[in-house]
């Protein structure tokens, strides 16, 4: 994700990067998820459920940004992020299933 963000910022036109949103979303939900659920005794299923909840959080955020985007190019950026998040979620679920089958 860090590499993808670096490439994104290098290849995205400045007007898209300079777009401002009056975002009022509640970021505390993601912190609560992380703070309250991470522990060494987690099972693989617990970890998968937590990761899927985090993925859902970002999917919802990107979906909201698609709806709120003022320009097509900006909307496309958030739609791409949403698409990548959903693909990553599917891949993660497949990987966990393959691990469970071992």
PDB file of N, CA and C in Angstrom:
ATOM      1  N   UNK A   1       0.820  -1.191   0.000  1.00  0.00           N
ATOM      2  CA  UNK A   1       0.000   0.000   0.000  1.00  0.00           C
ATOM      3  C   UNK A   1       0.865   1.256   0.000  1.00  0.00           C
ATOM      4  N   UNK A   2       1.983   1.210   0.756  1.00  0.00           N
ATOM      5  CA  UNK A   2       2.868   2.384   0.793  1.00  0.00           C
ATOM      6  C   UNK A   2       3.456   2.648  -0.579  1.00  0.00           C
ATOM      7  N   UNK A   3       3.874   1.582  -1.260  1.00  0.00           N
ATOM      8  CA  UNK A   3       4.415   1.744  -2.615  1.00  0.00           C
ATOM      9  C   UNK A   3       3.345   2.261  -3.567  1.00  0.00           C
ATOM     10  N   UNK A   4       2.151   1.734  -3.458  1.00  0.00           N
ATOM     11  CA  UNK A   4       1.061   2.177  -4.325  1.00  0.00           C
ATOM     12  C   UNK A   4       0.745   3.647  -4.084  1.00  0.00           C
ATOM     13  N   UNK A   5       0.797   4.075  -2.838  1.00  0.00           N
ATOM     14  CA  UNK A   5       0.542   5.479  -2.523  1.00  0.00           C
ATOM     15  C   UNK A   5       1.641   6.376  -3.094  1.00  0.00           C
ATOM     16  N   UNK A   6       2.886   5.922  -3.013  1.00  0.00           N
ATOM     17  CA  UNK A   6       3.999   6.691  -3.583  1.00  0.00           C
ATOM     18  C   UNK A   6       3.827   6.847  -5.085  1.00  0.00           C
ATOM     19  N   UNK A   7       3.533   5.756  -5.776  1.00  0.00           N
ATOM     20  CA  UNK A   7       3.320   5.804  -7.216  1.00  0.00           C
ATOM     21  C   UNK A   7       2.138   6.703  -7.545  1.00  0.00           C
ATOM     22  N   UNK A   8       1.084   6.559  -6.764  1.00  0.00           N
ATOM     23  CA  UNK A   8      -0.117   7.368  -6.983  1.00  0.00           C
ATOM     24  C   UNK A   8       0.203   8.857  -6.901  1.00  0.00           C
ATOM     25  N   UNK A   9       0.909   9.269  -5.852  1.00  0.00           N
ATOM     26  CA  UNK A   9       1.196  10.696  -5.685  1.00  0.00           C
ATOM     27  C   UNK A   9       2.147  11.221  -6.750  1.00  0.00           C
ATOM     28  N   UNK A  10       3.002  10.352  -7.268  1.00  0.00           N
ATOM     29  CA  UNK A  10       3.924  10.773  -8.318  1.00  0.00           C
ATOM     30  C   UNK A  10       3.234  10.887  -9.675  1.00  0.00           C
ATOM     31  N   UNK A  11       2.201  10.097  -9.912  1.00  0.00           N
ATOM     32  CA  UNK A  11       1.575  10.044 -11.224  1.00  0.00           C
ATOM     33  C   UNK A  11       0.244  10.801 -11.322  1.00  0.00           C
ATOM     34  N   UNK A  12      -0.260  11.290 -10.213  1.00  0.00           N
ATOM     35  CA  UNK A  12      -1.554  11.952 -10.213  1.00  0.00           C
ATOM     36  C   UNK A  12      -1.374  13.460 -10.404  1.00  0.00           C
ATOM     37  N   UNK A  13      -2.155  14.046 -11.297  1.00  0.00           N
ATOM     38  CA  UNK A  13      -2.037  15.490 -11.534  1.00  0.00           C
ATOM     39  C   UNK A  13      -2.301  16.307 -10.262  1.00  0.00           C
ATOM     40  N   UNK A  14      -1.602  17.424 -10.144  1.00  0.00           N
ATOM     41  CA  UNK A  14      -1.745  18.276  -8.961  1.00  0.00           C
ATOM     42  C   UNK A  14      -3.177  18.718  -8.694  1.00  0.00           C
ATOM     43  N   UNK A  15      -3.973  19.071  -9.702  1.00  0.00           N
ATOM     44  CA  UNK A  15      -5.356  19.486  -9.384  1.00  0.00           C
ATOM     45  C   UNK A  15      -6.151  18.406  -8.658  1.00  0.00           C
ATOM     46  N   UNK A  16      -5.879  17.153  -8.970  1.00  0.00           N
ATOM     47  CA  UNK A  16      -6.575  16.064  -8.275  1.00  0.00           C
ATOM     48  C   UNK A  16      -6.062  15.972  -6.842  1.00  0.00           C
ATOM     49  N   UNK A  17      -4.739  16.042  -6.679  1.00  0.00           N
ATOM     50  CA  UNK A  17      -4.163  15.959  -5.337  1.00  0.00           C
ATOM     51  C   UNK A  17      -4.537  17.157  -4.470  1.00  0.00           C
ATOM     52  N   UNK A  18      -4.800  18.290  -5.092  1.00  0.00           N
ATOM     53  CA  UNK A  18      -5.131  19.512  -4.355  1.00  0.00           C
ATOM     54  C   UNK A  18      -6.622  19.654  -4.055  1.00  0.00           C
ATOM     55  N   UNK A  19      -7.413  18.655  -4.405  1.00  0.00           N
ATOM     56  CA  UNK A  19      -8.848  18.717  -4.138  1.00  0.00           C
ATOM     57  C   UNK A  19      -9.090  18.648  -2.633  1.00  0.00           C
ATOM     58  N   UNK A  20      -9.939  19.521  -2.159  1.00  0.00           N
ATOM     59  CA  UNK A  20     -10.243  19.612  -0.733  1.00  0.00           C
ATOM     60  C   UNK A  20     -11.633  19.061  -0.463  1.00  0.00           C
ATOM     61  N   UNK A  21     -11.746  18.268   0.600  1.00  0.00           N
ATOM     62  CA  UNK A  21     -13.032  17.741   1.033  1.00  0.00           C
ATOM     63  C   UNK A  21     -13.326  18.248   2.434  1.00  0.00           C
ATOM     64  N   UNK A  22     -14.560  18.590   2.670  1.00  0.00           N
ATOM     65  CA  UNK A  22     -15.000  18.919   4.017  1.00  0.00           C
ATOM     66  C   UNK A  22     -15.426  17.600   4.646  1.00  0.00           C
ATOM     67  N   UNK A  23     -14.428  16.792   5.047  1.00  0.00           N
ATOM     68  CA  UNK A  23     -14.701  15.458   5.554  1.00  0.00           C
ATOM     69  C   UNK A  23     -15.009  15.514   7.045  1.00  0.00           C
ATOM     70  N   UNK A  24     -16.114  14.928   7.414  1.00  0.00           N
ATOM     71  CA  UNK A  24     -16.507  14.920   8.819  1.00  0.00           C
ATOM     72  C   UNK A  24     -16.702  13.497   9.338  1.00  0.00           C
ATOM     73  N   UNK A  25     -16.077  12.548   8.693  1.00  0.00           N
ATOM     74  CA  UNK A  25     -16.208  11.165   9.128  1.00  0.00           C
ATOM     75  C   UNK A  25     -15.584  10.941  10.495  1.00  0.00           C
ATOM     76  N   UNK A  26     -16.004   9.888  11.134  1.00  0.00           N
ATOM     77  CA  UNK A  26     -15.533   9.563  12.470  1.00  0.00           C
ATOM     78  C   UNK A  26     -14.395   8.554  12.376  1.00  0.00           C
ATOM     79  N   UNK A  27     -13.168   9.016  12.575  1.00  0.00           N
ATOM     80  CA  UNK A  27     -11.996   8.138  12.516  1.00  0.00           C
ATOM     81  C   UNK A  27     -11.816   7.314  13.778  1.00  0.00           C
ATOM     82  N   UNK A  28     -12.558   7.614  14.814  1.00  0.00           N
ATOM     83  CA  UNK A  28     -12.361   6.883  16.058  1.00  0.00           C
ATOM     84  C   UNK A  28     -12.757   5.412  15.931  1.00  0.00           C
ATOM     85  N   UNK A  29     -13.636   5.102  14.998  1.00  0.00           N
ATOM     86  CA  UNK A  29     -14.068   3.705  14.835  1.00  0.00           C
ATOM     87  C   UNK A  29     -12.898   2.803  14.491  1.00  0.00           C
ATOM     88  N   UNK A  30     -12.024   3.248  13.605  1.00  0.00           N
ATOM     89  CA  UNK A  30     -10.885   2.413  13.207  1.00  0.00           C
ATOM     90  C   UNK A  30      -9.909   2.246  14.362  1.00  0.00           C
ATOM     91  N   UNK A  31      -9.721   3.304  15.135  1.00  0.00           N
ATOM     92  CA  UNK A  31      -8.827   3.204  16.291  1.00  0.00           C
ATOM     93  C   UNK A  31      -9.402   2.288  17.359  1.00  0.00           C
ATOM     94  N   UNK A  32     -10.704   2.355  17.551  1.00  0.00           N
ATOM     95  CA  UNK A  32     -11.347   1.456  18.511  1.00  0.00           C
ATOM     96  C   UNK A  32     -11.201   0.005  18.082  1.00  0.00           C
ATOM     97  N   UNK A  33     -11.362  -0.243  16.792  1.00  0.00           N
ATOM     98  CA  UNK A  33     -11.189  -1.606  16.284  1.00  0.00           C
ATOM     99  C   UNK A  33      -9.801  -2.137  16.612  1.00  0.00           C
ATOM    100  N   UNK A  34      -8.808  -1.329  16.343  1.00  0.00           N
ATOM    101  CA  UNK A  34      -7.429  -1.757  16.566  1.00  0.00           C
ATOM    102  C   UNK A  34      -7.091  -1.860  18.048  1.00  0.00           C
ATOM    103  N   UNK A  35      -7.456  -0.863  18.818  1.00  0.00           N
ATOM    104  CA  UNK A  35      -7.098  -0.837  20.231  1.00  0.00           C
ATOM    105  C   UNK A  35      -7.768  -1.941  21.030  1.00  0.00           C
ATOM    106  N   UNK A  36      -9.005  -2.233  20.725  1.00  0.00           N
ATOM    107  CA  UNK A  36      -9.750  -3.162  21.565  1.00  0.00           C
ATOM    108  C   UNK A  36      -9.656  -4.614  21.118  1.00  0.00           C
ATOM    109  N   UNK A  37      -9.194  -4.869  19.917  1.00  0.00           N
ATOM    110  CA  UNK A  37      -9.278  -6.231  19.400  1.00  0.00           C
ATOM    111  C   UNK A  37      -7.946  -6.930  19.179  1.00  0.00           C
ATOM    112  N   UNK A  38      -6.851  -6.213  19.177  1.00  0.00           N
ATOM    113  CA  UNK A  38      -5.570  -6.857  18.948  1.00  0.00           C
ATOM    114  C   UNK A  38      -5.047  -7.470  20.245  1.00  0.00           C
ATOM    115  N   UNK A  39      -4.803  -8.762  20.210  1.00  0.00           N
ATOM    116  CA  UNK A  39      -4.203  -9.415  21.370  1.00  0.00           C
ATOM    117  C   UNK A  39      -3.516 -10.698  20.915  1.00  0.00           C
ATOM    118  N   UNK A  40      -2.526 -11.149  21.659  1.00  0.00           N
ATOM    119  CA  UNK A  40      -1.757 -12.329  21.251  1.00  0.00           C
ATOM    120  C   UNK A  40      -2.560 -13.626  21.213  1.00  0.00           C
ATOM    121  N   UNK A  41      -3.695 -13.660  21.878  1.00  0.00           N
ATOM    122  CA  UNK A  41      -4.494 -14.884  21.934  1.00  0.00           C
ATOM    123  C   UNK A  41      -5.484 -15.000  20.774  1.00  0.00           C
ATOM    124  N   UNK A  42      -5.422 -14.088  19.815  1.00  0.00           N
ATOM    125  CA  UNK A  42      -6.364 -14.119  18.695  1.00  0.00           C
ATOM    126  C   UNK A  42      -6.184 -15.386  17.868  1.00  0.00           C
ATOM    127  N   UNK A  43      -7.296 -15.941  17.447  1.00  0.00           N
ATOM    128  CA  UNK A  43      -7.247 -17.069  16.515  1.00  0.00           C
ATOM    129  C   UNK A  43      -7.174 -16.513  15.097  1.00  0.00           C
ATOM    130  N   UNK A  44      -6.948 -17.390  14.144  1.00  0.00           N
ATOM    131  CA  UNK A  44      -6.934 -16.967  12.744  1.00  0.00           C
ATOM    132  C   UNK A  44      -8.284 -16.389  12.341  1.00  0.00           C
ATOM    133  N   UNK A  45      -9.356 -16.995  12.823  1.00  0.00           N
ATOM    134  CA  UNK A  45     -10.701 -16.487  12.514  1.00  0.00           C
ATOM    135  C   UNK A  45     -10.931 -15.107  13.117  1.00  0.00           C
ATOM    136  N   UNK A  46     -10.441 -14.906  14.352  1.00  0.00           N
ATOM    137  CA  UNK A  46     -10.557 -13.593  14.983  1.00  0.00           C
ATOM    138  C   UNK A  46      -9.821 -12.538  14.153  1.00  0.00           C
ATOM    139  N   UNK A  47      -8.625 -12.889  13.718  1.00  0.00           N
ATOM    140  CA  UNK A  47      -7.820 -11.962  12.931  1.00  0.00           C
ATOM    141  C   UNK A  47      -8.503 -11.647  11.602  1.00  0.00           C
ATOM    142  N   UNK A  48      -9.026 -12.672  10.948  1.00  0.00           N
ATOM    143  CA  UNK A  48      -9.727 -12.449   9.679  1.00  0.00           C
ATOM    144  C   UNK A  48     -10.921 -11.532   9.872  1.00  0.00           C
ATOM    145  N   UNK A  49     -11.716 -11.783  10.909  1.00  0.00           N
ATOM    146  CA  UNK A  49     -12.876 -10.926  11.170  1.00  0.00           C
ATOM    147  C   UNK A  49     -12.454  -9.481  11.409  1.00  0.00           C
ATOM    148  N   UNK A  50     -11.375  -9.278  12.156  1.00  0.00           N
ATOM    149  CA  UNK A  50     -10.891  -7.922  12.418  1.00  0.00           C
ATOM    150  C   UNK A  50     -10.429  -7.252  11.129  1.00  0.00           C
ATOM    151  N   UNK A  51      -9.665  -7.969  10.335  1.00  0.00           N
ATOM    152  CA  UNK A  51      -9.173  -7.400   9.075  1.00  0.00           C
ATOM    153  C   UNK A  51     -10.337  -7.071   8.146  1.00  0.00           C
ATOM    154  N   UNK A  52     -11.333  -7.921   8.087  1.00  0.00           N
ATOM    155  CA  UNK A  52     -12.493  -7.652   7.235  1.00  0.00           C
ATOM    156  C   UNK A  52     -13.274  -6.439   7.731  1.00  0.00           C
ATOM    157  N   UNK A  53     -13.355  -6.248   9.034  1.00  0.00           N
ATOM    158  CA  UNK A  53     -14.024  -5.051   9.559  1.00  0.00           C
ATOM    159  C   UNK A  53     -13.241  -3.795   9.206  1.00  0.00           C
ATOM    160  N   UNK A  54     -11.919  -3.875   9.264  1.00  0.00           N
ATOM    161  CA  UNK A  54     -11.086  -2.735   8.883  1.00  0.00           C
ATOM    162  C   UNK A  54     -11.244  -2.450   7.395  1.00  0.00           C
ATOM    163  N   UNK A  55     -11.238  -3.502   6.589  1.00  0.00           N
ATOM    164  CA  UNK A  55     -11.439  -3.350   5.150  1.00  0.00           C
ATOM    165  C   UNK A  55     -12.796  -2.710   4.863  1.00  0.00           C
ATOM    166  N   UNK A  56     -13.822  -3.157   5.565  1.00  0.00           N
ATOM    167  CA  UNK A  56     -15.154  -2.564   5.394  1.00  0.00           C
ATOM    168  C   UNK A  56     -15.154  -1.081   5.750  1.00  0.00           C
ATOM    169  N   UNK A  57     -14.405  -0.726   6.787  1.00  0.00           N
ATOM    170  CA  UNK A  57     -14.312   0.679   7.184  1.00  0.00           C
ATOM    171  C   UNK A  57     -13.759   1.518   6.036  1.00  0.00           C
ATOM    172  N   UNK A  58     -12.655   1.060   5.431  1.00  0.00           N
ATOM    173  CA  UNK A  58     -12.059   1.818   4.337  1.00  0.00           C
ATOM    174  C   UNK A  58     -12.913   1.762   3.073  1.00  0.00           C
ATOM    175  N   UNK A  59     -13.569   0.648   2.825  1.00  0.00           N
ATOM    176  CA  UNK A  59     -14.474   0.563   1.676  1.00  0.00           C
ATOM    177  C   UNK A  59     -15.604   1.577   1.814  1.00  0.00           C
ATOM    178  N   UNK A  60     -16.162   1.675   3.010  1.00  0.00           N
ATOM    179  CA  UNK A  60     -17.220   2.654   3.249  1.00  0.00           C
ATOM    180  C   UNK A  60     -16.697   4.080   3.061  1.00  0.00           C
ATOM    181  N   UNK A  61     -15.489   4.335   3.553  1.00  0.00           N
ATOM    182  CA  UNK A  61     -14.889   5.662   3.391  1.00  0.00           C
ATOM    183  C   UNK A  61     -14.713   5.997   1.916  1.00  0.00           C
ATOM    184  N   UNK A  62     -14.116   5.075   1.144  1.00  0.00           N
ATOM    185  CA  UNK A  62     -13.894   5.331  -0.281  1.00  0.00           C
ATOM    186  C   UNK A  62     -15.210   5.493  -1.022  1.00  0.00           C
ATOM    187  N   UNK A  63     -16.205   4.711  -0.660  1.00  0.00           N
ATOM    188  CA  UNK A  63     -17.519   4.829  -1.292  1.00  0.00           C
ATOM    189  C   UNK A  63     -18.127   6.201  -1.012  1.00  0.00           C
ATOM    190  N   UNK A  64     -18.018   6.654   0.225  1.00  0.00           N
ATOM    191  CA  UNK A  64     -18.517   7.992   0.564  1.00  0.00           C
ATOM    192  C   UNK A  64     -17.782   9.066  -0.230  1.00  0.00           C
ATOM    193  N   UNK A  65     -16.471   8.888  -0.422  1.00  0.00           N
ATOM    194  CA  UNK A  65     -15.685   9.874  -1.152  1.00  0.00           C
ATOM    195  C   UNK A  65     -16.044   9.866  -2.640  1.00  0.00           C
ATOM    196  N   UNK A  66     -16.359   8.707  -3.179  1.00  0.00           N
ATOM    197  CA  UNK A  66     -16.817   8.640  -4.575  1.00  0.00           C
ATOM    198  C   UNK A  66     -18.078   9.483  -4.724  1.00  0.00           C
ATOM    199  N   UNK A  67     -18.990   9.319  -3.790  1.00  0.00           N
ATOM    200  CA  UNK A  67     -20.241  10.060  -3.840  1.00  0.00           C
ATOM    201  C   UNK A  67     -20.020  11.565  -3.671  1.00  0.00           C
ATOM    202  N   UNK A  68     -19.078  11.935  -2.818  1.00  0.00           N
ATOM    203  CA  UNK A  68     -18.861  13.349  -2.506  1.00  0.00           C
ATOM    204  C   UNK A  68     -17.877  14.046  -3.447  1.00  0.00           C
ATOM    205  N   UNK A  69     -17.226  13.309  -4.328  1.00  0.00           N
ATOM    206  CA  UNK A  69     -16.196  13.901  -5.180  1.00  0.00           C
ATOM    207  C   UNK A  69     -16.778  14.925  -6.137  1.00  0.00           C
ATOM    208  N   UNK A  70     -16.128  16.107  -6.211  1.00  0.00           N
ATOM    209  CA  UNK A  70     -16.656  17.186  -7.037  1.00  0.00           C
ATOM    210  C   UNK A  70     -16.302  17.089  -8.522  1.00  0.00           C
ATOM    211  N   UNK A  71     -15.352  16.233  -8.859  1.00  0.00           N
ATOM    212  CA  UNK A  71     -14.894  16.166 -10.255  1.00  0.00           C
ATOM    213  C   UNK A  71     -14.688  14.712 -10.656  1.00  0.00           C
ATOM    214  N   UNK A  72     -14.849  14.447 -11.950  1.00  0.00           N
ATOM    215  CA  UNK A  72     -14.726  13.079 -12.458  1.00  0.00           C
ATOM    216  C   UNK A  72     -13.369  12.464 -12.153  1.00  0.00           C
ATOM    217  N   UNK A  73     -12.286  13.225 -12.306  1.00  0.00           N
ATOM    218  CA  UNK A  73     -10.944  12.673 -12.061  1.00  0.00           C
ATOM    219  C   UNK A  73     -10.753  12.306 -10.599  1.00  0.00           C
ATOM    220  N   UNK A  74     -11.280  13.115  -9.721  1.00  0.00           N
ATOM    221  CA  UNK A  74     -11.185  12.833  -8.288  1.00  0.00           C
ATOM    222  C   UNK A  74     -12.049  11.621  -7.949  1.00  0.00           C
ATOM    223  N   UNK A  75     -13.242  11.591  -8.505  1.00  0.00           N
ATOM    224  CA  UNK A  75     -14.149  10.453  -8.291  1.00  0.00           C
ATOM    225  C   UNK A  75     -13.489   9.157  -8.767  1.00  0.00           C
ATOM    226  N   UNK A  76     -12.792   9.220  -9.895  1.00  0.00           N
ATOM    227  CA  UNK A  76     -12.116   8.040 -10.435  1.00  0.00           C
ATOM    228  C   UNK A  76     -11.027   7.543  -9.493  1.00  0.00           C
ATOM    229  N   UNK A  77     -10.333   8.462  -8.860  1.00  0.00           N
ATOM    230  CA  UNK A  77      -9.287   8.072  -7.906  1.00  0.00           C
ATOM    231  C   UNK A  77      -9.894   7.266  -6.764  1.00  0.00           C
ATOM    232  N   UNK A  78     -10.977   7.780  -6.174  1.00  0.00           N
ATOM    233  CA  UNK A  78     -11.592   7.069  -5.060  1.00  0.00           C
ATOM    234  C   UNK A  78     -12.287   5.790  -5.506  1.00  0.00           C
ATOM    235  N   UNK A  79     -12.800   5.763  -6.723  1.00  0.00           N
ATOM    236  CA  UNK A  79     -13.393   4.531  -7.237  1.00  0.00           C
ATOM    237  C   UNK A  79     -12.310   3.468  -7.403  1.00  0.00           C
ATOM    238  N   UNK A  80     -11.135   3.873  -7.882  1.00  0.00           N
ATOM    239  CA  UNK A  80     -10.017   2.927  -8.008  1.00  0.00           C
ATOM    240  C   UNK A  80      -9.582   2.410  -6.645  1.00  0.00           C
ATOM    241  N   UNK A  81      -9.523   3.292  -5.652  1.00  0.00           N
ATOM    242  CA  UNK A  81      -9.179   2.856  -4.297  1.00  0.00           C
ATOM    243  C   UNK A  81     -10.213   1.865  -3.772  1.00  0.00           C
ATOM    244  N   UNK A  82     -11.479   2.153  -4.008  1.00  0.00           N
ATOM    245  CA  UNK A  82     -12.546   1.257  -3.579  1.00  0.00           C
ATOM    246  C   UNK A  82     -12.425  -0.091  -4.281  1.00  0.00           C
ATOM    247  N   UNK A  83     -12.208  -0.073  -5.583  1.00  0.00           N
ATOM    248  CA  UNK A  83     -12.061  -1.329  -6.341  1.00  0.00           C
ATOM    249  C   UNK A  83     -10.886  -2.154  -5.821  1.00  0.00           C
ATOM    250  N   UNK A  84      -9.764  -1.487  -5.553  1.00  0.00           N
ATOM    251  CA  UNK A  84      -8.580  -2.188  -5.033  1.00  0.00           C
ATOM    252  C   UNK A  84      -8.844  -2.763  -3.647  1.00  0.00           C
ATOM    253  N   UNK A  85      -9.545  -2.018  -2.819  1.00  0.00           N
ATOM    254  CA  UNK A  85      -9.879  -2.488  -1.476  1.00  0.00           C
ATOM    255  C   UNK A  85     -10.755  -3.741  -1.555  1.00  0.00           C
ATOM    256  N   UNK A  86     -11.726  -3.730  -2.454  1.00  0.00           N
ATOM    257  CA  UNK A  86     -12.614  -4.888  -2.598  1.00  0.00           C
ATOM    258  C   UNK A  86     -11.871  -6.094  -3.160  1.00  0.00           C
ATOM    259  N   UNK A  87     -10.976  -5.865  -4.125  1.00  0.00           N
ATOM    260  CA  UNK A  87     -10.162  -6.971  -4.645  1.00  0.00           C
ATOM    261  C   UNK A  87      -9.263  -7.540  -3.560  1.00  0.00           C
ATOM    262  N   UNK A  88      -8.680  -6.646  -2.766  1.00  0.00           N
ATOM    263  CA  UNK A  88      -7.826  -7.094  -1.673  1.00  0.00           C
ATOM    264  C   UNK A  88      -8.587  -7.909  -0.649  1.00  0.00           C
ATOM    265  N   UNK A  89      -9.827  -7.517  -0.384  1.00  0.00           N
ATOM    266  CA  UNK A  89     -10.670  -8.251   0.563  1.00  0.00           C
ATOM    267  C   UNK A  89     -10.954  -9.656   0.053  1.00  0.00           C
ATOM    268  N   UNK A  90     -11.268  -9.756  -1.227  1.00  0.00           N
ATOM    269  CA  UNK A  90     -11.528 -11.071  -1.821  1.00  0.00           C
ATOM    270  C   UNK A  90     -10.279 -11.949  -1.774  1.00  0.00           C
ATOM    271  N   UNK A  91      -9.133 -11.361  -2.096  1.00  0.00           N
ATOM    272  CA  UNK A  91      -7.875 -12.112  -2.078  1.00  0.00           C
ATOM    273  C   UNK A  91      -7.545 -12.574  -0.663  1.00  0.00           C
ATOM    274  N   UNK A  92      -7.754 -11.711   0.294  1.00  0.00           N
ATOM    275  CA  UNK A  92      -7.496 -12.056   1.689  1.00  0.00           C
ATOM    276  C   UNK A  92      -8.362 -13.233   2.133  1.00  0.00           C
ATOM    277  N   UNK A  93      -9.630 -13.183   1.794  1.00  0.00           N
ATOM    278  CA  UNK A  93     -10.536 -14.278   2.157  1.00  0.00           C
ATOM    279  C   UNK A  93     -10.089 -15.588   1.515  1.00  0.00           C
ATOM    280  N   UNK A  94      -9.680 -15.525   0.253  1.00  0.00           N
ATOM    281  CA  UNK A  94      -9.173 -16.737  -0.415  1.00  0.00           C
ATOM    282  C   UNK A  94      -7.914 -17.254   0.269  1.00  0.00           C
ATOM    283  N   UNK A  95      -7.000 -16.347   0.619  1.00  0.00           N
ATOM    284  CA  UNK A  95      -5.756 -16.763   1.275  1.00  0.00           C
ATOM    285  C   UNK A  95      -6.023 -17.419   2.624  1.00  0.00           C
ATOM    286  N   UNK A  96      -6.940 -16.841   3.391  1.00  0.00           N
ATOM    287  CA  UNK A  96      -7.279 -17.430   4.683  1.00  0.00           C
ATOM    288  C   UNK A  96      -7.922 -18.796   4.489  1.00  0.00           C
ATOM    289  N   UNK A  97      -8.755 -18.937   3.459  1.00  0.00           N
ATOM    290  CA  UNK A  97      -9.389 -20.236   3.198  1.00  0.00           C
ATOM    291  C   UNK A  97      -8.333 -21.271   2.818  1.00  0.00           C
ATOM    292  N   UNK A  98      -7.368 -20.880   2.001  1.00  0.00           N
ATOM    293  CA  UNK A  98      -6.300 -21.810   1.620  1.00  0.00           C
ATOM    294  C   UNK A  98      -5.482 -22.217   2.841  1.00  0.00           C
ATOM    295  N   UNK A  99      -5.223 -21.266   3.746  1.00  0.00           N
ATOM    296  CA  UNK A  99      -4.482 -21.599   4.966  1.00  0.00           C
ATOM    297  C   UNK A  99      -5.273 -22.578   5.822  1.00  0.00           C
ATOM    298  N   UNK A 100      -6.587 -22.373   5.893  1.00  0.00           N
ATOM    299  CA  UNK A 100      -7.437 -23.260   6.696  1.00  0.00           C
ATOM    300  C   UNK A 100      -7.461 -24.663   6.118  1.00  0.00           C
ATOM    301  N   UNK A 101      -7.298 -24.777   4.805  1.00  0.00           N
ATOM    302  CA  UNK A 101      -7.328 -26.085   4.155  1.00  0.00           C
ATOM    303  C   UNK A 101      -6.032 -26.869   4.357  1.00  0.00           C
ATOM    304  N   UNK A 102      -4.983 -26.202   4.797  1.00  0.00           N
ATOM    305  CA  UNK A 102      -3.695 -26.887   4.975  1.00  0.00           C
ATOM    306  C   UNK A 102      -3.677 -27.814   6.135  1.00  0.00           C
TER     307      UNK A 102
END
